[in-house]
N, C-alpha and C. Protein backbone atom coordinates (compact mmCIF):
# COMPACT_ATOMS: atom_id res chain seq x y z
N MET A 1 0.82 -1.20 0.00
CA MET A 1 0.00 0.00 0.00
C MET A 1 0.86 1.26 0.00
N ARG A 2 1.96 1.20 0.76
CA ARG A 2 2.85 2.36 0.85
C ARG A 2 3.47 2.70 -0.50
N HIS A 3 3.80 1.66 -1.26
CA HIS A 3 4.39 1.86 -2.59
C HIS A 3 3.40 2.52 -3.54
N ILE A 4 2.15 2.18 -3.41
CA ILE A 4 1.12 2.78 -4.26
C ILE A 4 0.98 4.26 -3.94
N ILE A 5 0.99 4.61 -2.67
CA ILE A 5 0.87 6.02 -2.26
C ILE A 5 2.07 6.81 -2.75
N GLU A 6 3.28 6.25 -2.60
CA GLU A 6 4.48 6.94 -3.07
C GLU A 6 4.47 7.11 -4.58
N ALA A 7 4.02 6.10 -5.31
CA ALA A 7 3.94 6.20 -6.77
C ALA A 7 2.92 7.25 -7.18
N TYR A 8 1.80 7.29 -6.48
CA TYR A 8 0.78 8.30 -6.77
C TYR A 8 1.32 9.70 -6.51
N GLN A 9 2.04 9.89 -5.41
CA GLN A 9 2.60 11.21 -5.09
C GLN A 9 3.62 11.64 -6.13
N LYS A 10 4.45 10.70 -6.59
CA LYS A 10 5.44 11.02 -7.63
C LYS A 10 4.75 11.38 -8.94
N ALA A 11 3.69 10.63 -9.28
CA ALA A 11 2.95 10.93 -10.51
C ALA A 11 2.27 12.28 -10.40
N GLU A 12 1.73 12.59 -9.23
CA GLU A 12 1.08 13.88 -9.04
C GLU A 12 2.09 15.03 -9.14
N GLU A 13 3.26 14.86 -8.57
CA GLU A 13 4.30 15.90 -8.65
C GLU A 13 4.76 16.09 -10.09
N PHE A 14 4.97 14.99 -10.83
CA PHE A 14 5.35 15.09 -12.23
C PHE A 14 4.28 15.80 -13.04
N ASN A 15 3.03 15.44 -12.80
CA ASN A 15 1.91 16.07 -13.50
C ASN A 15 1.87 17.57 -13.23
N ARG A 16 2.04 17.96 -11.97
CA ARG A 16 2.01 19.37 -11.61
C ARG A 16 3.15 20.13 -12.29
N GLU A 17 4.35 19.56 -12.26
CA GLU A 17 5.49 20.22 -12.89
C GLU A 17 5.34 20.28 -14.41
N PHE A 18 4.85 19.22 -15.01
CA PHE A 18 4.73 19.17 -16.46
C PHE A 18 3.71 20.17 -16.98
N PHE A 19 2.56 20.25 -16.34
CA PHE A 19 1.50 21.11 -16.84
C PHE A 19 1.55 22.53 -16.30
N MET A 20 2.06 22.73 -15.11
CA MET A 20 2.07 24.06 -14.51
C MET A 20 3.42 24.76 -14.63
N GLY A 21 4.47 24.02 -14.90
CA GLY A 21 5.82 24.59 -14.96
C GLY A 21 5.95 25.72 -15.97
N ARG A 22 5.31 25.57 -17.10
CA ARG A 22 5.42 26.58 -18.16
C ARG A 22 4.79 27.91 -17.78
N TRP A 23 3.75 27.85 -16.96
CA TRP A 23 3.00 29.06 -16.64
C TRP A 23 3.25 29.56 -15.22
N ARG A 24 4.15 28.93 -14.50
CA ARG A 24 4.36 29.27 -13.10
C ARG A 24 4.72 30.74 -12.91
N ALA A 25 5.63 31.28 -13.69
CA ALA A 25 6.04 32.68 -13.53
C ALA A 25 4.86 33.62 -13.78
N GLY A 26 4.10 33.34 -14.81
CA GLY A 26 2.94 34.18 -15.11
C GLY A 26 1.88 34.09 -14.02
N LEU A 27 1.66 32.89 -13.51
CA LEU A 27 0.68 32.71 -12.44
C LEU A 27 1.11 33.41 -11.16
N GLN A 28 2.40 33.34 -10.84
CA GLN A 28 2.90 34.02 -9.65
C GLN A 28 2.80 35.54 -9.80
N LYS A 29 3.08 36.04 -10.98
CA LYS A 29 2.98 37.48 -11.23
C LYS A 29 1.53 37.95 -11.09
N GLU A 30 0.60 37.20 -11.63
CA GLU A 30 -0.81 37.55 -11.53
C GLU A 30 -1.30 37.47 -10.08
N ALA A 31 -0.85 36.46 -9.34
CA ALA A 31 -1.23 36.34 -7.93
C ALA A 31 -0.69 37.52 -7.13
N ALA A 32 0.52 37.95 -7.41
CA ALA A 32 1.09 39.12 -6.71
C ALA A 32 0.32 40.39 -7.07
N ARG A 33 -0.08 40.53 -8.33
CA ARG A 33 -0.85 41.70 -8.74
C ARG A 33 -2.20 41.75 -8.04
N GLN A 34 -2.85 40.60 -7.93
CA GLN A 34 -4.14 40.55 -7.25
C GLN A 34 -4.00 40.80 -5.76
N GLU A 35 -2.92 40.30 -5.15
CA GLU A 35 -2.69 40.56 -3.73
C GLU A 35 -2.42 42.04 -3.48
N ASP A 36 -1.67 42.68 -4.38
CA ASP A 36 -1.42 44.11 -4.25
C ASP A 36 -2.72 44.91 -4.34
N ALA A 37 -3.59 44.52 -5.26
CA ALA A 37 -4.87 45.21 -5.40
C ALA A 37 -5.73 45.02 -4.15
N LEU A 38 -5.72 43.82 -3.57
CA LEU A 38 -6.48 43.56 -2.36
C LEU A 38 -5.94 44.38 -1.19
N MET A 39 -4.62 44.45 -1.06
CA MET A 39 -4.02 45.23 0.03
C MET A 39 -4.38 46.71 -0.13
N ALA A 40 -4.32 47.23 -1.35
CA ALA A 40 -4.68 48.63 -1.58
C ALA A 40 -6.14 48.86 -1.22
N MET A 41 -7.01 47.94 -1.60
CA MET A 41 -8.43 48.09 -1.29
C MET A 41 -8.67 48.04 0.22
N LEU A 42 -7.97 47.14 0.91
CA LEU A 42 -8.16 47.02 2.36
C LEU A 42 -7.72 48.27 3.10
N PHE A 43 -6.64 48.88 2.66
CA PHE A 43 -6.06 49.99 3.40
C PHE A 43 -6.27 51.33 2.70
N LEU A 44 -7.37 51.49 1.96
CA LEU A 44 -7.67 52.75 1.29
C LEU A 44 -7.79 53.90 2.29
N GLU A 45 -8.44 53.67 3.40
CA GLU A 45 -8.62 54.74 4.38
C GLU A 45 -7.29 55.19 4.96
N ALA A 46 -6.36 54.27 5.14
CA ALA A 46 -5.03 54.64 5.63
C ALA A 46 -4.28 55.45 4.58
N LEU A 47 -4.64 55.28 3.33
CA LEU A 47 -4.03 56.05 2.25
C LEU A 47 -4.73 57.39 2.03
N GLY A 48 -5.81 57.64 2.78
CA GLY A 48 -6.52 58.90 2.68
C GLY A 48 -7.68 58.90 1.71
N ILE A 49 -8.12 57.73 1.30
CA ILE A 49 -9.21 57.60 0.35
C ILE A 49 -10.37 56.89 1.05
N PRO A 50 -11.59 57.43 0.99
CA PRO A 50 -12.71 56.74 1.62
C PRO A 50 -12.91 55.35 1.01
N ASN A 51 -13.12 54.37 1.86
CA ASN A 51 -13.27 52.99 1.41
C ASN A 51 -14.74 52.59 1.46
N PRO A 52 -15.39 52.44 0.31
CA PRO A 52 -16.80 52.07 0.31
C PRO A 52 -17.04 50.62 0.76
N THR A 53 -16.02 49.80 0.79
CA THR A 53 -16.18 48.40 1.19
C THR A 53 -15.68 48.12 2.59
N SER A 54 -15.45 49.16 3.39
CA SER A 54 -14.84 48.95 4.71
C SER A 54 -15.69 48.06 5.60
N TYR A 55 -16.99 48.12 5.49
CA TYR A 55 -17.86 47.27 6.30
C TYR A 55 -17.61 45.79 6.01
N TYR A 56 -17.38 45.48 4.74
CA TYR A 56 -17.19 44.09 4.32
C TYR A 56 -15.76 43.60 4.51
N THR A 57 -14.80 44.50 4.52
CA THR A 57 -13.40 44.11 4.61
C THR A 57 -12.84 44.24 6.02
N LEU A 58 -13.63 44.70 6.96
CA LEU A 58 -13.13 44.93 8.32
C LEU A 58 -12.58 43.66 8.96
N GLU A 59 -13.20 42.54 8.72
CA GLU A 59 -12.75 41.31 9.34
C GLU A 59 -11.47 40.76 8.72
N LEU A 60 -11.03 41.31 7.58
CA LEU A 60 -9.80 40.86 6.95
C LEU A 60 -8.56 41.57 7.48
N TYR A 61 -8.72 42.69 8.18
CA TYR A 61 -7.57 43.45 8.66
C TYR A 61 -6.59 42.61 9.49
N PRO A 62 -7.03 41.84 10.46
CA PRO A 62 -6.05 41.08 11.26
C PRO A 62 -5.22 40.11 10.42
N GLU A 63 -5.78 39.60 9.34
CA GLU A 63 -5.04 38.67 8.50
C GLU A 63 -3.94 39.35 7.70
N PHE A 64 -4.16 40.61 7.33
CA PHE A 64 -3.23 41.29 6.43
C PHE A 64 -2.37 42.35 7.09
N VAL A 65 -2.60 42.68 8.34
CA VAL A 65 -1.85 43.76 8.95
C VAL A 65 -0.36 43.41 9.08
N GLU A 66 -0.04 42.14 9.25
CA GLU A 66 1.36 41.73 9.33
C GLU A 66 2.06 41.86 7.98
N GLU A 67 1.34 41.65 6.90
CA GLU A 67 1.91 41.74 5.56
C GLU A 67 1.93 43.18 5.03
N PHE A 68 1.28 44.08 5.73
CA PHE A 68 1.16 45.45 5.25
C PHE A 68 2.53 46.12 5.12
N HIS A 69 3.43 45.88 6.06
CA HIS A 69 4.74 46.53 6.01
C HIS A 69 5.50 46.12 4.74
N GLN A 70 5.53 44.83 4.42
CA GLN A 70 6.21 44.40 3.20
C GLN A 70 5.54 44.99 1.96
N TRP A 71 4.21 45.11 2.01
CA TRP A 71 3.49 45.64 0.86
C TRP A 71 3.83 47.11 0.62
N HIS A 72 3.79 47.94 1.66
CA HIS A 72 4.03 49.36 1.41
C HIS A 72 5.50 49.62 1.07
N MET A 73 6.40 48.78 1.55
CA MET A 73 7.80 48.92 1.13
C MET A 73 7.95 48.52 -0.34
N ARG A 74 7.26 47.47 -0.77
CA ARG A 74 7.32 47.03 -2.16
C ARG A 74 6.69 48.05 -3.10
N MET A 75 5.69 48.81 -2.59
CA MET A 75 5.03 49.83 -3.41
C MET A 75 5.82 51.13 -3.47
N GLY A 76 6.94 51.20 -2.76
CA GLY A 76 7.80 52.38 -2.84
C GLY A 76 7.56 53.41 -1.75
N MET A 77 6.75 53.09 -0.76
CA MET A 77 6.51 54.01 0.36
C MET A 77 7.46 53.61 1.49
N ASP A 78 8.58 54.33 1.62
CA ASP A 78 9.58 53.95 2.62
C ASP A 78 9.05 54.05 4.04
N THR A 79 8.29 55.07 4.31
CA THR A 79 7.66 55.19 5.63
C THR A 79 6.16 55.33 5.41
N PHE A 80 5.43 54.95 6.42
CA PHE A 80 3.98 55.06 6.31
C PHE A 80 3.47 55.73 7.57
N GLU A 81 2.41 56.43 7.45
CA GLU A 81 1.79 57.21 8.50
C GLU A 81 2.23 56.75 9.91
N PRO A 82 2.91 57.61 10.66
CA PRO A 82 3.40 57.21 11.99
C PRO A 82 2.24 56.71 12.87
N GLY A 83 2.50 55.64 13.56
CA GLY A 83 1.48 55.05 14.42
C GLY A 83 0.70 53.97 13.72
N PHE A 84 0.71 53.96 12.40
CA PHE A 84 -0.04 52.94 11.68
C PHE A 84 0.87 51.75 11.36
N CYS A 85 2.08 52.04 10.96
CA CYS A 85 3.00 50.96 10.60
C CYS A 85 4.35 51.24 11.22
N CYS A 86 5.33 51.52 10.41
CA CYS A 86 6.69 51.69 10.91
C CYS A 86 6.91 53.08 11.33
């Protein structure tokens, strides 16, 4: 039974690499673009723009507040509003 599971895992890894390997860079770039858009939407009010979706996105803040520092540094903002981040 163990040999069957190992063979299945190897086949699954080969399948993933064979079919997804060609598009991995493009998929990662698109995922990063979508994450950047989500972070901007979540923190619109911190950027000084009223956020019409703040009621719906309020529960997402704890999940993304740790990643916010890396995001604003990647977006070219060396410092961010004192007291909010760094």
